[in-house]
Amino acid sequence: MAEIHFQQMTSKGYHEIEQEIEDLKKQRPAKIAQLKAARALGDLSENTEYSTAKRELRHLESRMRYLDHLLTYAQVIDPQDNGEVQLGAHVTIQFADDGTKETYQIVGKQEAEEAALDDHKLSFDSPLGQSLMHHRAGDIVNIKAPASSYRVTVKKVAL
């Protein structure tokens, strides 16, 4: 029997996935109409419109199945206001080597993958995220990344 792996995420991440599914459902009728129109053009072996429409519909349905799977196995974590770095918390860190400060929200793996770099979302299972978990403001944390090691100071933890 296969082992079930739950996807930990914030409630905001869960709702963003729900919204994306709804958006894709709204696009589906138009994709089906495109496919029907392209099919009506005739010879399917040399019909690029048909091939493109079929591929786009298949991609949309595959994405919907993937997102539905994420929701099925989602474990929504509600952060506790206990001062510790945890899923859902915003953490400000200062890098020891150059003194720069960055603030990140600790999120689930899926949320971090879908986020733009300037959204400042950090997966709890990344090397930095793993190292920061359960630390508090004032803690100095050693980070072991695949290419190097470095040190940060946790400056602030907030929900």
N, C-alpha and C. Protein backbone atom coordinates (compact mmCIF):
# COMPACT_ATOMS: atom_id res chain seq x y z
N MET A 1 0.84 -1.18 0.00
CA MET A 1 0.00 0.00 0.00
C MET A 1 0.89 1.25 0.00
N ALA A 2 0.53 2.22 -0.82
CA ALA A 2 1.33 3.44 -0.94
C ALA A 2 1.15 4.32 0.29
N GLU A 3 2.24 4.96 0.67
CA GLU A 3 2.21 5.87 1.82
C GLU A 3 1.64 7.22 1.37
N ILE A 4 0.76 7.80 2.16
CA ILE A 4 0.16 9.09 1.84
C ILE A 4 1.05 10.19 2.40
N HIS A 5 1.36 11.16 1.54
CA HIS A 5 2.17 12.30 1.95
C HIS A 5 1.29 13.54 1.96
N PHE A 6 1.07 14.10 3.13
CA PHE A 6 0.26 15.30 3.24
C PHE A 6 1.12 16.51 2.88
N GLN A 7 0.50 17.47 2.22
CA GLN A 7 1.16 18.72 1.85
C GLN A 7 0.79 19.77 2.89
N GLN A 8 1.75 20.16 3.71
CA GLN A 8 1.48 21.20 4.69
C GLN A 8 1.46 22.54 3.99
N MET A 9 0.46 23.36 4.34
CA MET A 9 0.35 24.69 3.75
C MET A 9 -0.43 25.60 4.67
N THR A 10 -0.35 26.88 4.37
CA THR A 10 -1.12 27.86 5.12
C THR A 10 -2.55 27.88 4.58
N SER A 11 -3.47 28.45 5.35
CA SER A 11 -4.86 28.54 4.86
C SER A 11 -4.92 29.45 3.65
N LYS A 12 -4.07 30.48 3.59
CA LYS A 12 -4.04 31.36 2.41
C LYS A 12 -3.61 30.57 1.18
N GLY A 13 -2.60 29.71 1.32
CA GLY A 13 -2.16 28.89 0.21
C GLY A 13 -3.25 27.94 -0.26
N TYR A 14 -3.99 27.38 0.68
CA TYR A 14 -5.11 26.48 0.35
C TYR A 14 -6.16 27.23 -0.47
N HIS A 15 -6.50 28.43 -0.03
CA HIS A 15 -7.52 29.22 -0.73
C HIS A 15 -7.03 29.69 -2.10
N GLU A 16 -5.74 29.95 -2.24
CA GLU A 16 -5.19 30.32 -3.56
C GLU A 16 -5.32 29.16 -4.54
N ILE A 17 -5.10 27.94 -4.08
CA ILE A 17 -5.26 26.76 -4.94
C ILE A 17 -6.73 26.59 -5.31
N GLU A 18 -7.63 26.77 -4.35
CA GLU A 18 -9.07 26.69 -4.66
C GLU A 18 -9.44 27.70 -5.73
N GLN A 19 -8.91 28.92 -5.62
CA GLN A 19 -9.23 29.97 -6.59
C GLN A 19 -8.68 29.63 -7.97
N GLU A 20 -7.48 29.08 -8.02
CA GLU A 20 -6.91 28.69 -9.31
C GLU A 20 -7.76 27.61 -9.97
N ILE A 21 -8.25 26.65 -9.20
CA ILE A 21 -9.12 25.62 -9.75
C ILE A 21 -10.38 26.25 -10.33
N GLU A 22 -10.98 27.18 -9.61
CA GLU A 22 -12.19 27.86 -10.11
C GLU A 22 -11.90 28.62 -11.39
N ASP A 23 -10.76 29.29 -11.45
CA ASP A 23 -10.37 30.02 -12.67
C ASP A 23 -10.20 29.06 -13.85
N LEU A 24 -9.58 27.91 -13.60
CA LEU A 24 -9.39 26.92 -14.66
C LEU A 24 -10.72 26.34 -15.12
N LYS A 25 -11.64 26.13 -14.20
CA LYS A 25 -12.97 25.62 -14.56
C LYS A 25 -13.70 26.59 -15.49
N LYS A 26 -13.50 27.88 -15.26
CA LYS A 26 -14.13 28.90 -16.11
C LYS A 26 -13.52 28.91 -17.50
N GLN A 27 -12.24 28.55 -17.62
CA GLN A 27 -11.56 28.53 -18.93
C GLN A 27 -11.90 27.28 -19.74
N ARG A 28 -12.31 26.22 -19.06
CA ARG A 28 -12.52 24.92 -19.71
C ARG A 28 -13.54 24.95 -20.85
N PRO A 29 -14.73 25.58 -20.70
CA PRO A 29 -15.67 25.59 -21.82
C PRO A 29 -15.11 26.24 -23.10
N ALA A 30 -14.33 27.30 -22.94
CA ALA A 30 -13.73 27.95 -24.10
C ALA A 30 -12.71 27.03 -24.78
N LYS A 31 -11.94 26.29 -23.97
CA LYS A 31 -10.96 25.34 -24.54
C LYS A 31 -11.66 24.22 -25.30
N ILE A 32 -12.79 23.73 -24.75
CA ILE A 32 -13.55 22.69 -25.43
C ILE A 32 -14.13 23.22 -26.74
N ALA A 33 -14.62 24.45 -26.71
CA ALA A 33 -15.16 25.07 -27.94
C ALA A 33 -14.07 25.22 -29.00
N GLN A 34 -12.87 25.61 -28.58
CA GLN A 34 -11.74 25.72 -29.52
C GLN A 34 -11.43 24.37 -30.14
N LEU A 35 -11.45 23.34 -29.35
CA LEU A 35 -11.17 21.99 -29.84
C LEU A 35 -12.23 21.56 -30.84
N LYS A 36 -13.49 21.81 -30.55
CA LYS A 36 -14.57 21.45 -31.47
C LYS A 36 -14.45 22.21 -32.78
N ALA A 37 -14.15 23.49 -32.70
CA ALA A 37 -14.01 24.31 -33.91
C ALA A 37 -12.84 23.83 -34.75
N ALA A 38 -11.74 23.49 -34.11
CA ALA A 38 -10.56 23.02 -34.84
C ALA A 38 -10.83 21.66 -35.47
N ARG A 39 -11.57 20.82 -34.77
CA ARG A 39 -11.90 19.49 -35.30
C ARG A 39 -12.77 19.62 -36.55
N ALA A 40 -13.62 20.62 -36.58
CA ALA A 40 -14.52 20.83 -37.72
C ALA A 40 -13.77 21.26 -38.98
N LEU A 41 -12.52 21.66 -38.83
CA LEU A 41 -11.74 22.12 -40.00
C LEU A 41 -11.34 20.97 -40.92
N GLY A 42 -11.47 19.75 -40.46
CA GLY A 42 -11.19 18.62 -41.35
C GLY A 42 -10.01 17.80 -40.93
N ASP A 43 -9.19 17.40 -41.90
CA ASP A 43 -8.07 16.47 -41.76
C ASP A 43 -7.28 16.72 -40.47
N LEU A 44 -7.44 15.79 -39.51
CA LEU A 44 -6.81 15.96 -38.20
C LEU A 44 -5.31 15.69 -38.23
N SER A 45 -4.83 14.96 -39.21
CA SER A 45 -3.40 14.62 -39.26
C SER A 45 -2.53 15.83 -39.55
N GLU A 46 -3.07 16.82 -40.22
CA GLU A 46 -2.28 18.02 -40.55
C GLU A 46 -2.92 19.29 -40.01
N ASN A 47 -3.71 19.15 -38.98
CA ASN A 47 -4.46 20.26 -38.43
C ASN A 47 -3.77 20.76 -37.16
N THR A 48 -2.92 21.77 -37.30
CA THR A 48 -2.18 22.29 -36.14
C THR A 48 -3.10 22.95 -35.12
N GLU A 49 -4.20 23.56 -35.59
CA GLU A 49 -5.15 24.17 -34.66
C GLU A 49 -5.74 23.10 -33.73
N TYR A 50 -6.05 21.94 -34.32
CA TYR A 50 -6.62 20.84 -33.53
C TYR A 50 -5.59 20.33 -32.53
N SER A 51 -4.36 20.10 -32.98
CA SER A 51 -3.30 19.60 -32.09
C SER A 51 -3.04 20.57 -30.95
N THR A 52 -3.01 21.86 -31.26
CA THR A 52 -2.77 22.88 -30.24
C THR A 52 -3.92 22.93 -29.25
N ALA A 53 -5.16 22.94 -29.74
CA ALA A 53 -6.33 23.00 -28.86
C ALA A 53 -6.40 21.76 -27.97
N LYS A 54 -6.08 20.61 -28.53
CA LYS A 54 -6.11 19.36 -27.76
C LYS A 54 -5.05 19.40 -26.66
N ARG A 55 -3.85 19.87 -27.00
CA ARG A 55 -2.76 19.95 -26.03
C ARG A 55 -3.11 20.94 -24.91
N GLU A 56 -3.69 22.10 -25.26
CA GLU A 56 -4.04 23.09 -24.25
C GLU A 56 -5.13 22.58 -23.31
N LEU A 57 -6.14 21.88 -23.85
CA LEU A 57 -7.19 21.31 -23.01
C LEU A 57 -6.61 20.24 -22.09
N ARG A 58 -5.75 19.41 -22.62
CA ARG A 58 -5.11 18.36 -21.83
C ARG A 58 -4.28 18.97 -20.70
N HIS A 59 -3.55 20.04 -21.01
CA HIS A 59 -2.74 20.73 -19.99
C HIS A 59 -3.64 21.31 -18.90
N LEU A 60 -4.73 21.96 -19.28
CA LEU A 60 -5.65 22.55 -18.31
C LEU A 60 -6.23 21.47 -17.40
N GLU A 61 -6.67 20.37 -17.97
CA GLU A 61 -7.26 19.30 -17.16
C GLU A 61 -6.22 18.63 -16.26
N SER A 62 -5.00 18.51 -16.76
CA SER A 62 -3.92 17.94 -15.95
C SER A 62 -3.62 18.85 -14.75
N ARG A 63 -3.59 20.15 -15.00
CA ARG A 63 -3.34 21.11 -13.91
C ARG A 63 -4.46 21.04 -12.87
N MET A 64 -5.69 20.94 -13.32
CA MET A 64 -6.83 20.84 -12.39
C MET A 64 -6.72 19.57 -11.53
N ARG A 65 -6.35 18.46 -12.15
CA ARG A 65 -6.19 17.21 -11.38
C ARG A 65 -5.08 17.34 -10.35
N TYR A 66 -3.96 17.94 -10.76
CA TYR A 66 -2.82 18.13 -9.85
C TYR A 66 -3.23 18.99 -8.66
N LEU A 67 -3.89 20.12 -8.92
CA LEU A 67 -4.31 21.01 -7.85
C LEU A 67 -5.35 20.35 -6.94
N ASP A 68 -6.26 19.60 -7.52
CA ASP A 68 -7.25 18.87 -6.73
C ASP A 68 -6.56 17.86 -5.82
N HIS A 69 -5.54 17.20 -6.35
CA HIS A 69 -4.75 16.25 -5.55
C HIS A 69 -4.09 16.96 -4.37
N LEU A 70 -3.55 18.15 -4.63
CA LEU A 70 -2.92 18.92 -3.53
C LEU A 70 -3.93 19.23 -2.43
N LEU A 71 -5.14 19.63 -2.83
CA LEU A 71 -6.16 19.96 -1.84
C LEU A 71 -6.62 18.72 -1.08
N THR A 72 -6.71 17.60 -1.78
CA THR A 72 -7.14 16.35 -1.15
C THR A 72 -6.19 15.97 -0.02
N TYR A 73 -4.90 16.16 -0.24
CA TYR A 73 -3.90 15.76 0.73
C TYR A 73 -3.29 16.94 1.48
N ALA A 74 -3.99 18.07 1.48
CA ALA A 74 -3.49 19.25 2.17
C ALA A 74 -3.68 19.11 3.68
N GLN A 75 -2.70 19.58 4.38
CA GLN A 75 -2.79 19.69 5.84
C GLN A 75 -2.60 21.17 6.15
N VAL A 76 -3.71 21.86 6.41
CA VAL A 76 -3.66 23.29 6.66
C VAL A 76 -3.19 23.51 8.09
N ILE A 77 -2.13 24.29 8.21
CA ILE A 77 -1.52 24.58 9.51
C ILE A 77 -1.91 25.98 9.93
N ASP A 78 -2.51 26.10 11.09
CA ASP A 78 -2.82 27.41 11.67
C ASP A 78 -1.72 27.76 12.66
N PRO A 79 -0.96 28.81 12.36
CA PRO A 79 0.17 29.15 13.24
C PRO A 79 -0.30 29.62 14.62
N GLN A 80 0.52 29.31 15.60
CA GLN A 80 0.27 29.73 16.98
C GLN A 80 1.14 30.94 17.28
N ASP A 81 0.60 31.90 17.99
CA ASP A 81 1.36 33.12 18.32
C ASP A 81 2.22 32.84 19.55
N ASN A 82 3.30 32.06 19.33
CA ASN A 82 4.16 31.69 20.45
C ASN A 82 5.60 32.20 20.30
N GLY A 83 5.83 33.05 19.30
CA GLY A 83 7.14 33.64 19.12
C GLY A 83 8.13 32.78 18.37
N GLU A 84 7.72 31.57 17.96
CA GLU A 84 8.62 30.67 17.22
C GLU A 84 8.40 30.79 15.72
N VAL A 85 9.46 30.55 14.96
CA VAL A 85 9.36 30.45 13.51
C VAL A 85 8.60 29.17 13.21
N GLN A 86 7.53 29.31 12.43
CA GLN A 86 6.68 28.18 12.08
C GLN A 86 5.97 28.48 10.76
N LEU A 87 5.31 27.48 10.23
CA LEU A 87 4.57 27.65 8.99
C LEU A 87 3.54 28.77 9.17
N GLY A 88 3.56 29.72 8.25
CA GLY A 88 2.64 30.86 8.30
C GLY A 88 3.24 32.11 8.91
N ALA A 89 4.32 31.98 9.66
CA ALA A 89 4.93 33.13 10.33
C ALA A 89 5.77 33.95 9.35
N HIS A 90 5.92 35.22 9.68
CA HIS A 90 6.85 36.10 8.96
C HIS A 90 8.09 36.22 9.84
N VAL A 91 9.25 35.99 9.24
CA VAL A 91 10.48 36.03 10.02
C VAL A 91 11.46 37.00 9.35
N THR A 92 12.04 37.88 10.15
CA THR A 92 13.07 38.79 9.67
C THR A 92 14.40 38.26 10.16
N ILE A 93 15.33 38.08 9.21
CA ILE A 93 16.66 37.57 9.56
C ILE A 93 17.71 38.56 9.08
N GLN A 94 18.86 38.51 9.73
CA GLN A 94 20.00 39.33 9.34
C GLN A 94 21.15 38.38 9.03
N PHE A 95 21.72 38.52 7.84
CA PHE A 95 22.83 37.68 7.43
C PHE A 95 24.11 38.18 8.07
N ALA A 96 24.87 37.25 8.68
CA ALA A 96 26.08 37.62 9.41
C ALA A 96 27.18 38.14 8.50
N ASP A 97 27.26 37.63 7.28
CA ASP A 97 28.38 38.01 6.41
C ASP A 97 28.32 39.45 5.90
N ASP A 98 27.13 39.96 5.59
CA ASP A 98 27.07 41.33 5.07
C ASP A 98 26.08 42.23 5.80
N GLY A 99 25.38 41.70 6.80
CA GLY A 99 24.48 42.51 7.61
C GLY A 99 23.13 42.82 6.99
N THR A 100 22.87 42.31 5.78
CA THR A 100 21.58 42.60 5.16
C THR A 100 20.45 41.88 5.90
N LYS A 101 19.29 42.53 5.88
CA LYS A 101 18.10 41.95 6.51
C LYS A 101 17.09 41.58 5.43
N GLU A 102 16.43 40.47 5.64
CA GLU A 102 15.36 40.01 4.75
C GLU A 102 14.22 39.50 5.61
N THR A 103 13.00 39.71 5.12
CA THR A 103 11.82 39.18 5.78
C THR A 103 11.14 38.19 4.84
N TYR A 104 10.83 37.01 5.35
CA TYR A 104 10.19 35.96 4.58
C TYR A 104 8.96 35.47 5.33
N GLN A 105 7.99 34.98 4.56
CA GLN A 105 6.89 34.23 5.17
C GLN A 105 7.21 32.76 4.98
N ILE A 106 7.14 32.00 6.04
CA ILE A 106 7.39 30.56 5.98
C ILE A 106 6.10 29.90 5.47
N VAL A 107 6.21 29.20 4.34
CA VAL A 107 5.03 28.62 3.70
C VAL A 107 5.31 27.17 3.32
N GLY A 108 4.26 26.50 2.85
CA GLY A 108 4.40 25.14 2.36
C GLY A 108 5.17 25.10 1.06
N LYS A 109 5.64 23.92 0.71
CA LYS A 109 6.45 23.72 -0.48
C LYS A 109 5.73 24.23 -1.74
N GLN A 110 4.47 23.88 -1.90
CA GLN A 110 3.70 24.28 -3.07
C GLN A 110 3.57 25.79 -3.16
N GLU A 111 3.31 26.44 -2.05
CA GLU A 111 3.17 27.89 -2.04
C GLU A 111 4.46 28.58 -2.46
N ALA A 112 5.58 28.06 -2.01
CA ALA A 112 6.88 28.65 -2.35
C ALA A 112 7.18 28.44 -3.83
N GLU A 113 6.82 27.27 -4.37
CA GLU A 113 7.09 26.99 -5.78
C GLU A 113 6.26 27.90 -6.69
N GLU A 114 5.05 28.21 -6.29
CA GLU A 114 4.15 29.02 -7.11
C GLU A 114 4.43 30.52 -6.96
N ALA A 115 5.15 30.91 -5.94
CA ALA A 115 5.38 32.33 -5.66
C ALA A 115 6.49 32.90 -6.54
N ALA A 116 6.37 34.18 -6.84
CA ALA A 116 7.44 34.90 -7.51
C ALA A 116 8.55 35.16 -6.49
N LEU A 117 9.76 35.31 -6.98
CA LEU A 117 10.89 35.52 -6.07
C LEU A 117 10.71 36.72 -5.16
N ASP A 118 10.11 37.78 -5.69
CA ASP A 118 9.97 38.99 -4.87
C ASP A 118 8.76 38.93 -3.94
N ASP A 119 8.07 37.78 -3.85
CA ASP A 119 6.99 37.61 -2.88
C ASP A 119 7.55 37.30 -1.49
N HIS A 120 8.84 36.99 -1.41
CA HIS A 120 9.51 36.69 -0.14
C HIS A 120 8.83 35.55 0.62
N LYS A 121 8.51 34.49 -0.11
CA LYS A 121 7.96 33.29 0.51
C LYS A 121 9.06 32.24 0.54
N LEU A 122 9.18 31.58 1.67
CA LEU A 122 10.25 30.61 1.88
C LEU A 122 9.63 29.29 2.33
N SER A 123 9.95 28.22 1.62
CA SER A 123 9.43 26.92 1.97
C SER A 123 10.02 26.45 3.30
N PHE A 124 9.15 25.88 4.14
CA PHE A 124 9.61 25.38 5.44
C PHE A 124 10.58 24.22 5.30
N ASP A 125 10.59 23.56 4.12
CA ASP A 125 11.50 22.42 3.97
C ASP A 125 12.74 22.73 3.13
N SER A 126 12.95 24.02 2.82
CA SER A 126 14.20 24.44 2.17
C SER A 126 15.31 24.42 3.24
N PRO A 127 16.58 24.42 2.84
CA PRO A 127 17.64 24.43 3.86
C PRO A 127 17.51 25.60 4.86
N LEU A 128 17.21 26.79 4.36
CA LEU A 128 17.05 27.94 5.24
C LEU A 128 15.79 27.78 6.10
N GLY A 129 14.69 27.39 5.46
CA GLY A 129 13.44 27.21 6.19
C GLY A 129 13.56 26.17 7.29
N GLN A 130 14.16 25.02 6.97
CA GLN A 130 14.34 23.95 7.97
C GLN A 130 15.17 24.44 9.15
N SER A 131 16.23 25.17 8.84
CA SER A 131 17.12 25.64 9.90
C SER A 131 16.46 26.67 10.81
N LEU A 132 15.56 27.48 10.24
CA LEU A 132 14.91 28.53 11.02
C LEU A 132 13.76 28.02 11.89
N MET A 133 13.15 26.91 11.50
CA MET A 133 11.97 26.42 12.21
C MET A 133 12.22 26.29 13.71
N HIS A 134 11.26 26.78 14.48
CA HIS A 134 11.21 26.70 15.94
C HIS A 134 12.22 27.59 16.66
N HIS A 135 12.91 28.46 15.89
CA HIS A 135 13.79 29.43 16.55
C HIS A 135 12.99 30.67 16.91
N ARG A 136 13.57 31.51 17.75
CA ARG A 136 12.92 32.72 18.23
C ARG A 136 13.81 33.93 17.92
N ALA A 137 13.22 35.12 18.07
CA ALA A 137 13.98 36.36 17.89
C ALA A 137 15.19 36.34 18.82
N GLY A 138 16.33 36.72 18.28
CA GLY A 138 17.58 36.74 19.04
C GLY A 138 18.44 35.51 18.81
N ASP A 139 17.86 34.43 18.31
CA ASP A 139 18.64 33.21 18.06
C ASP A 139 19.58 33.39 16.87
N ILE A 140 20.77 32.84 17.01
CA ILE A 140 21.73 32.79 15.89
C ILE A 140 21.65 31.38 15.33
N VAL A 141 21.45 31.30 14.01
CA VAL A 141 21.20 30.01 13.37
C VAL A 141 22.25 29.75 12.30
N ASN A 142 22.84 28.56 12.35
CA ASN A 142 23.79 28.13 11.32
C ASN A 142 23.00 27.40 10.23
N ILE A 143 23.19 27.82 8.99
CA ILE A 143 22.46 27.25 7.86
C ILE A 143 23.44 26.41 7.04
N LYS A 144 23.08 25.17 6.80
CA LYS A 144 23.89 24.30 5.94
C LYS A 144 23.14 24.11 4.63
N ALA A 145 23.59 24.82 3.60
CA ALA A 145 23.00 24.72 2.26
C ALA A 145 23.87 23.77 1.44
N PRO A 146 23.35 23.28 0.32
CA PRO A 146 24.13 22.34 -0.49
C PRO A 146 25.51 22.88 -0.92
N ALA A 147 25.58 24.17 -1.24
CA ALA A 147 26.84 24.72 -1.75
C ALA A 147 27.71 25.37 -0.68
N SER A 148 27.12 25.75 0.45
CA SER A 148 27.91 26.45 1.47
C SER A 148 27.17 26.45 2.81
N SER A 149 27.80 27.06 3.77
CA SER A 149 27.19 27.25 5.08
C SER A 149 27.28 28.73 5.42
N TYR A 150 26.31 29.22 6.17
CA TYR A 150 26.33 30.62 6.58
C TYR A 150 25.53 30.76 7.86
N ARG A 151 25.56 31.95 8.43
CA ARG A 151 24.92 32.20 9.72
C ARG A 151 23.98 33.39 9.59
N VAL A 152 22.82 33.27 10.26
CA VAL A 152 21.87 34.36 10.31
C VAL A 152 21.41 34.56 11.75
N THR A 153 20.93 35.76 12.03
CA THR A 153 20.33 36.04 13.33
C THR A 153 18.84 36.30 13.09
N VAL A 154 18.00 35.64 13.87
CA VAL A 154 16.56 35.88 13.78
C VAL A 154 16.29 37.19 14.52
N LYS A 155 15.78 38.17 13.78
CA LYS A 155 15.53 39.48 14.36
C LYS A 155 14.10 39.64 14.85
N LYS A 156 13.13 39.04 14.11
CA LYS A 156 11.73 39.23 14.47
C LYS A 156 10.91 38.06 13.93
N VAL A 157 9.94 37.63 14.71
CA VAL A 157 8.99 36.59 14.29
C VAL A 157 7.59 37.15 14.55
N ALA A 158 6.76 37.16 13.51
CA ALA A 158 5.40 37.69 13.65
C ALA A 158 4.43 36.87 12.80
N LEU A 159 3.17 36.88 13.20
CA LEU A 159 2.14 36.20 12.39
C LEU A 159 1.58 37.12 11.40
